[in-house]
Structures are given as C-alpha cells and as structure tokens.
Amino acid sequence: MGTNTLELTDEELILLRHALRHYLSEFGHEEADILRKARALLGKLPEPAAR
C-alpha cells in the first residue's frame, strides 16, 4: 500500500473532520469494520491551526 499526500487549507481540514464525524454517526453496529477504519483515518488528521 502506497502513501499519499493531500494538502488542505485549514478550512478544508475543518470541513473534512466534520464530514468524517457525521459519516461515523450514521453507521450502525453491522458496519464495525468501516467505523474502525474511519476512526483511524480521523485520528490521522491533524488539528487545524489556531486562528
């Protein structure tokens, strides 16, 4: 598996974090593998810079 780099503005990063959190809140117990992967991805995202 390769590594990819994605450059985001702080605004885009905030939007992506919100979108992932909403995505996670919509799943039930039968999607445990997807929940685990989405949480891991969310954990990799840095906090946006303080304004």
Protein backbone atom coordinates (compact mmCIF):
# COMPACT_ATOMS: atom_id res chain seq x y z
CA MET A 1 0.00 0.00 0.00
CA GLY A 2 1.41 3.37 -1.00
CA THR A 3 1.45 6.62 0.88
CA ASN A 4 -0.33 9.67 -0.47
CA THR A 5 -0.07 13.32 0.42
CA LEU A 6 -3.02 15.66 0.39
CA GLU A 7 -2.62 19.37 1.04
CA LEU A 8 -5.64 21.04 2.61
CA THR A 9 -6.33 24.55 3.77
CA ASP A 10 -7.42 24.91 7.39
CA GLU A 11 -10.99 25.46 6.16
CA GLU A 12 -10.88 22.25 4.09
CA LEU A 13 -9.41 20.33 7.03
CA ILE A 14 -12.21 21.52 9.30
CA LEU A 15 -14.79 20.50 6.70
CA LEU A 16 -13.19 17.05 6.26
CA ARG A 17 -13.12 16.45 10.02
CA HIS A 18 -16.79 17.45 10.35
CA ALA A 19 -17.76 15.27 7.39
CA LEU A 20 -15.97 12.22 8.82
CA ARG A 21 -17.57 12.71 12.24
CA HIS A 22 -21.01 12.95 10.62
CA TYR A 23 -20.24 9.87 8.50
CA LEU A 24 -19.32 7.95 11.65
CA SER A 25 -22.51 8.97 13.43
CA GLU A 26 -24.67 7.48 10.66
CA PHE A 27 -23.42 3.89 10.90
CA GLY A 28 -24.77 1.04 13.00
CA HIS A 29 -23.16 -1.99 14.55
CA GLU A 30 -23.08 -4.06 11.35
CA GLU A 31 -20.52 -1.70 9.84
CA ALA A 32 -17.91 -2.14 12.60
CA ASP A 33 -15.03 -2.55 10.14
CA ILE A 34 -15.93 0.70 8.36
CA LEU A 35 -16.27 2.50 11.69
CA ARG A 36 -12.82 1.30 12.76
CA LYS A 37 -11.23 2.45 9.50
CA ALA A 38 -12.99 5.82 9.53
CA ARG A 39 -11.95 6.45 13.15
CA ALA A 40 -8.35 5.54 12.28
CA LEU A 41 -8.45 7.98 9.36
CA LEU A 42 -9.90 10.71 11.55
CA GLY A 43 -7.13 10.07 14.06
CA LYS A 44 -4.50 10.71 11.38
CA LEU A 45 -5.85 14.16 10.57
CA PRO A 46 -4.06 17.00 12.31
CA GLU A 47 -5.95 19.61 14.25
CA PRO A 48 -6.42 22.79 12.18
CA ALA A 49 -4.11 25.65 13.01
CA ALA A 50 -5.38 28.05 15.67
CA ARG A 51 -6.69 31.26 14.21
